[in-house]
Amino acid sequence: MQKAVDYKAIITASVLGLALVSYAASSSTVPSGKDGVITVAGAISDSQCAFNVHSDSRSHEWMEKKGVYGATDDKSCTQRCVKEMGGKYVLVTKKDVYRLDDQVAPERFAGLKVKVTGTLDAKKQTLHVLNIEEDKESKEK
């Protein structure tokens, strides 16, 4: 005795499964540019100031105004917060703060306006850094 195979159900289930996998894959990263690579302009800051741990303006202004030792400008504040206060390097734009998976390359750009090229993990709001360069256009404005 042979069981009848319901091919219509198998095909429907396969199509639905592929659709779900495709949707999940597309929602986890921003598919902009070639192979999901994007470039985001902003400033290299620290997570302490950017996420308002000790600031109320997503900036270094509070630390500088309070005269916190070693925080005299954006660069020195960023470096102090990362090296001495447990912060991480982040990219701050007008609307967003992006975590950076590379914590070595951003150090030399601390406090500067930059363009970061990489892929975005939208769920974690993390840029997987491929390149960082100073944003010379923003200096001229």
C-alpha atoms as a PDB file:
ATOM      1  CA  MET A   1       0.000   0.000   0.000  1.00  0.00           C
ATOM      2  CA  GLN A   2       1.494   3.309  -1.091  1.00  0.00           C
ATOM      3  CA  LYS A   3       0.720   6.713   0.540  1.00  0.00           C
ATOM      4  CA  ALA A   4      -0.374   9.537  -1.725  1.00  0.00           C
ATOM      5  CA  VAL A   5       2.008  12.477  -1.735  1.00  0.00           C
ATOM      6  CA  ASP A   6       0.409  15.914  -1.639  1.00  0.00           C
ATOM      7  CA  TYR A   7       2.773  17.822  -3.943  1.00  0.00           C
ATOM      8  CA  LYS A   8       0.647  20.959  -3.799  1.00  0.00           C
ATOM      9  CA  ALA A   9       1.142  21.196   0.001  1.00  0.00           C
ATOM     10  CA  ILE A  10       4.882  20.560  -0.304  1.00  0.00           C
ATOM     11  CA  ILE A  11       5.293  23.272  -2.952  1.00  0.00           C
ATOM     12  CA  THR A  12       3.192  25.762  -0.958  1.00  0.00           C
ATOM     13  CA  ALA A  13       5.192  25.118   2.215  1.00  0.00           C
ATOM     14  CA  SER A  14       8.484  25.482   0.318  1.00  0.00           C
ATOM     15  CA  VAL A  15       7.439  28.800  -1.234  1.00  0.00           C
ATOM     16  CA  LEU A  16       6.313  30.160   2.135  1.00  0.00           C
ATOM     17  CA  GLY A  17       9.541  29.008   3.767  1.00  0.00           C
ATOM     18  CA  LEU A  18      11.669  30.702   1.109  1.00  0.00           C
ATOM     19  CA  ALA A  19       9.606  33.895   1.415  1.00  0.00           C
ATOM     20  CA  LEU A  20      10.142  33.997   5.191  1.00  0.00           C
ATOM     21  CA  VAL A  21      13.880  33.374   4.898  1.00  0.00           C
ATOM     22  CA  SER A  22      14.159  36.058   2.211  1.00  0.00           C
ATOM     23  CA  TYR A  23      12.236  38.574   4.330  1.00  0.00           C
ATOM     24  CA  ALA A  24      14.340  37.855   7.434  1.00  0.00           C
ATOM     25  CA  ALA A  25      17.589  38.252   5.516  1.00  0.00           C
ATOM     26  CA  SER A  26      16.518  41.522   3.919  1.00  0.00           C
ATOM     27  CA  SER A  27      15.344  43.106   7.176  1.00  0.00           C
ATOM     28  CA  SER A  28      18.589  42.488   9.096  1.00  0.00           C
ATOM     29  CA  THR A  29      20.732  44.828   7.016  1.00  0.00           C
ATOM     30  CA  VAL A  30      20.165  47.916   4.933  1.00  0.00           C
ATOM     31  CA  PRO A  31      20.572  46.861   1.293  1.00  0.00           C
ATOM     32  CA  SER A  32      21.908  50.180   0.043  1.00  0.00           C
ATOM     33  CA  GLY A  33      24.745  50.345  -2.411  1.00  0.00           C
ATOM     34  CA  LYS A  34      26.750  47.463  -3.798  1.00  0.00           C
ATOM     35  CA  ASP A  35      26.506  44.316  -1.662  1.00  0.00           C
ATOM     36  CA  GLY A  36      24.800  46.252   1.166  1.00  0.00           C
ATOM     37  CA  VAL A  37      27.764  48.615   1.579  1.00  0.00           C
ATOM     38  CA  ILE A  38      26.787  52.114   2.717  1.00  0.00           C
ATOM     39  CA  THR A  39      28.623  55.311   3.610  1.00  0.00           C
ATOM     40  CA  VAL A  40      27.440  57.351   6.588  1.00  0.00           C
ATOM     41  CA  ALA A  41      28.706  60.846   7.439  1.00  0.00           C
ATOM     42  CA  GLY A  42      28.936  62.001  11.044  1.00  0.00           C
ATOM     43  CA  ALA A  43      31.404  62.536  13.877  1.00  0.00           C
ATOM     44  CA  ILE A  44      33.423  59.992  15.815  1.00  0.00           C
ATOM     45  CA  SER A  45      32.358  60.307  19.431  1.00  0.00           C
ATOM     46  CA  ASP A  46      32.102  58.083  22.485  1.00  0.00           C
ATOM     47  CA  SER A  47      29.130  56.076  23.675  1.00  0.00           C
ATOM     48  CA  GLN A  48      29.151  57.819  27.071  1.00  0.00           C
ATOM     49  CA  CYS A  49      28.368  61.241  25.624  1.00  0.00           C
ATOM     50  CA  ALA A  50      26.399  60.023  22.581  1.00  0.00           C
ATOM     51  CA  PHE A  51      23.948  57.986  24.665  1.00  0.00           C
ATOM     52  CA  ASN A  52      23.658  60.731  27.318  1.00  0.00           C
ATOM     53  CA  VAL A  53      25.332  58.770  30.107  1.00  0.00           C
ATOM     54  CA  HIS A  54      26.785  62.022  31.475  1.00  0.00           C
ATOM     55  CA  SER A  55      25.442  64.505  28.957  1.00  0.00           C
ATOM     56  CA  ASP A  56      21.988  65.698  28.026  1.00  0.00           C
ATOM     57  CA  SER A  57      22.734  66.849  24.495  1.00  0.00           C
ATOM     58  CA  ARG A  58      24.516  63.923  22.758  1.00  0.00           C
ATOM     59  CA  SER A  59      27.641  66.066  22.798  1.00  0.00           C
ATOM     60  CA  HIS A  60      30.772  66.821  24.794  1.00  0.00           C
ATOM     61  CA  GLU A  61      29.491  70.234  25.811  1.00  0.00           C
ATOM     62  CA  TRP A  62      28.545  69.259  29.372  1.00  0.00           C
ATOM     63  CA  MET A  63      31.953  67.687  30.085  1.00  0.00           C
ATOM     64  CA  GLU A  64      33.777  70.689  28.660  1.00  0.00           C
ATOM     65  CA  LYS A  65      31.623  73.254  30.534  1.00  0.00           C
ATOM     66  CA  LYS A  66      32.031  71.403  33.839  1.00  0.00           C
ATOM     67  CA  GLY A  67      35.793  71.513  33.359  1.00  0.00           C
ATOM     68  CA  VAL A  68      36.199  67.754  33.604  1.00  0.00           C
ATOM     69  CA  TYR A  69      39.904  66.983  33.642  1.00  0.00           C
ATOM     70  CA  GLY A  70      41.144  65.890  30.213  1.00  0.00           C
ATOM     71  CA  ALA A  71      37.969  66.970  28.369  1.00  0.00           C
ATOM     72  CA  THR A  72      38.856  70.291  26.781  1.00  0.00           C
ATOM     73  CA  ASP A  73      37.488  69.658  23.282  1.00  0.00           C
ATOM     74  CA  ASP A  74      35.645  66.976  21.278  1.00  0.00           C
ATOM     75  CA  LYS A  75      38.788  64.933  20.626  1.00  0.00           C
ATOM     76  CA  SER A  76      40.091  64.892  24.194  1.00  0.00           C
ATOM     77  CA  CYS A  77      36.630  64.231  25.645  1.00  0.00           C
ATOM     78  CA  THR A  78      36.054  61.311  23.262  1.00  0.00           C
ATOM     79  CA  GLN A  79      39.425  59.783  24.056  1.00  0.00           C
ATOM     80  CA  ARG A  80      39.003  60.243  27.823  1.00  0.00           C
ATOM     81  CA  CYS A  81      35.541  58.690  27.842  1.00  0.00           C
ATOM     82  CA  VAL A  82      36.750  55.677  25.825  1.00  0.00           C
ATOM     83  CA  LYS A  83      40.061  55.079  27.559  1.00  0.00           C
ATOM     84  CA  GLU A  84      39.158  55.982  31.135  1.00  0.00           C
ATOM     85  CA  MET A  85      35.372  55.759  31.505  1.00  0.00           C
ATOM     86  CA  GLY A  86      34.458  52.560  29.665  1.00  0.00           C
ATOM     87  CA  GLY A  87      33.003  54.166  26.557  1.00  0.00           C
ATOM     88  CA  LYS A  88      33.169  52.829  23.011  1.00  0.00           C
ATOM     89  CA  TYR A  89      33.773  54.713  19.783  1.00  0.00           C
ATOM     90  CA  VAL A  90      30.520  55.485  17.929  1.00  0.00           C
ATOM     91  CA  LEU A  91      29.445  57.464  14.883  1.00  0.00           C
ATOM     92  CA  VAL A  92      27.009  60.282  15.662  1.00  0.00           C
ATOM     93  CA  THR A  93      24.833  61.753  12.892  1.00  0.00           C
ATOM     94  CA  LYS A  94      22.102  64.391  13.194  1.00  0.00           C
ATOM     95  CA  LYS A  95      19.484  61.713  13.897  1.00  0.00           C
ATOM     96  CA  ASP A  96      21.289  58.507  14.858  1.00  0.00           C
ATOM     97  CA  VAL A  97      24.118  56.965  16.833  1.00  0.00           C
ATOM     98  CA  TYR A  98      25.819  53.964  15.233  1.00  0.00           C
ATOM     99  CA  ARG A  99      27.955  51.525  17.179  1.00  0.00           C
ATOM    100  CA  LEU A 100      31.202  50.629  15.400  1.00  0.00           C
ATOM    101  CA  ASP A 101      32.470  47.053  15.368  1.00  0.00           C
ATOM    102  CA  ASP A 102      36.072  48.251  14.854  1.00  0.00           C
ATOM    103  CA  GLN A 103      37.349  50.044  17.962  1.00  0.00           C
ATOM    104  CA  VAL A 104      40.920  50.577  16.691  1.00  0.00           C
ATOM    105  CA  ALA A 105      40.489  52.579  13.470  1.00  0.00           C
ATOM    106  CA  PRO A 106      38.182  55.266  14.958  1.00  0.00           C
ATOM    107  CA  GLU A 107      40.748  56.281  17.597  1.00  0.00           C
ATOM    108  CA  ARG A 108      42.723  58.509  15.239  1.00  0.00           C
ATOM    109  CA  PHE A 109      39.486  60.233  14.132  1.00  0.00           C
ATOM    110  CA  ALA A 110      38.219  60.960  17.660  1.00  0.00           C
ATOM    111  CA  GLY A 111      36.165  64.161  17.672  1.00  0.00           C
ATOM    112  CA  LEU A 112      36.395  64.618  13.891  1.00  0.00           C
ATOM    113  CA  LYS A 113      33.755  64.629  11.175  1.00  0.00           C
ATOM    114  CA  VAL A 114      34.166  61.505   9.064  1.00  0.00           C
ATOM    115  CA  LYS A 115      32.623  59.248   6.459  1.00  0.00           C
ATOM    116  CA  VAL A 116      32.362  55.618   7.523  1.00  0.00           C
ATOM    117  CA  THR A 117      31.906  52.972   4.840  1.00  0.00           C
ATOM    118  CA  GLY A 118      30.632  49.565   5.849  1.00  0.00           C
ATOM    119  CA  THR A 119      27.615  47.346   6.220  1.00  0.00           C
ATOM    120  CA  LEU A 120      24.858  48.007   8.714  1.00  0.00           C
ATOM    121  CA  ASP A 121      23.391  45.524  11.137  1.00  0.00           C
ATOM    122  CA  ALA A 122      20.128  47.425  11.580  1.00  0.00           C
ATOM    123  CA  LYS A 123      18.936  45.315  14.508  1.00  0.00           C
ATOM    124  CA  LYS A 124      22.015  46.190  16.560  1.00  0.00           C
ATOM    125  CA  GLN A 125      22.484  49.656  14.999  1.00  0.00           C
ATOM    126  CA  THR A 126      26.095  48.613  14.362  1.00  0.00           C
ATOM    127  CA  LEU A 127      28.269  49.513  11.397  1.00  0.00           C
ATOM    128  CA  HIS A 128      30.727  46.821  10.348  1.00  0.00           C
ATOM    129  CA  VAL A 129      33.529  49.191   9.376  1.00  0.00           C
ATOM    130  CA  LEU A 130      35.310  48.758   6.055  1.00  0.00           C
ATOM    131  CA  ASN A 131      36.846  52.252   5.882  1.00  0.00           C
ATOM    132  CA  ILE A 132      36.918  55.551   7.774  1.00  0.00           C
ATOM    133  CA  GLU A 133      38.080  58.802   6.238  1.00  0.00           C
ATOM    134  CA  GLU A 134      37.975  62.384   7.412  1.00  0.00           C
ATOM    135  CA  ASP A 135      35.081  64.314   5.870  1.00  0.00           C
ATOM    136  CA  LYS A 136      36.965  67.190   4.278  1.00  0.00           C
ATOM    137  CA  GLU A 137      33.766  68.552   2.687  1.00  0.00           C
ATOM    138  CA  SER A 138      32.204  69.238   6.094  1.00  0.00           C
ATOM    139  CA  LYS A 139      35.308  71.197   7.152  1.00  0.00           C
ATOM    140  CA  GLU A 140      34.853  73.619   4.272  1.00  0.00           C
ATOM    141  CA  LYS A 141      31.210  74.356   5.146  1.00  0.00           C
END
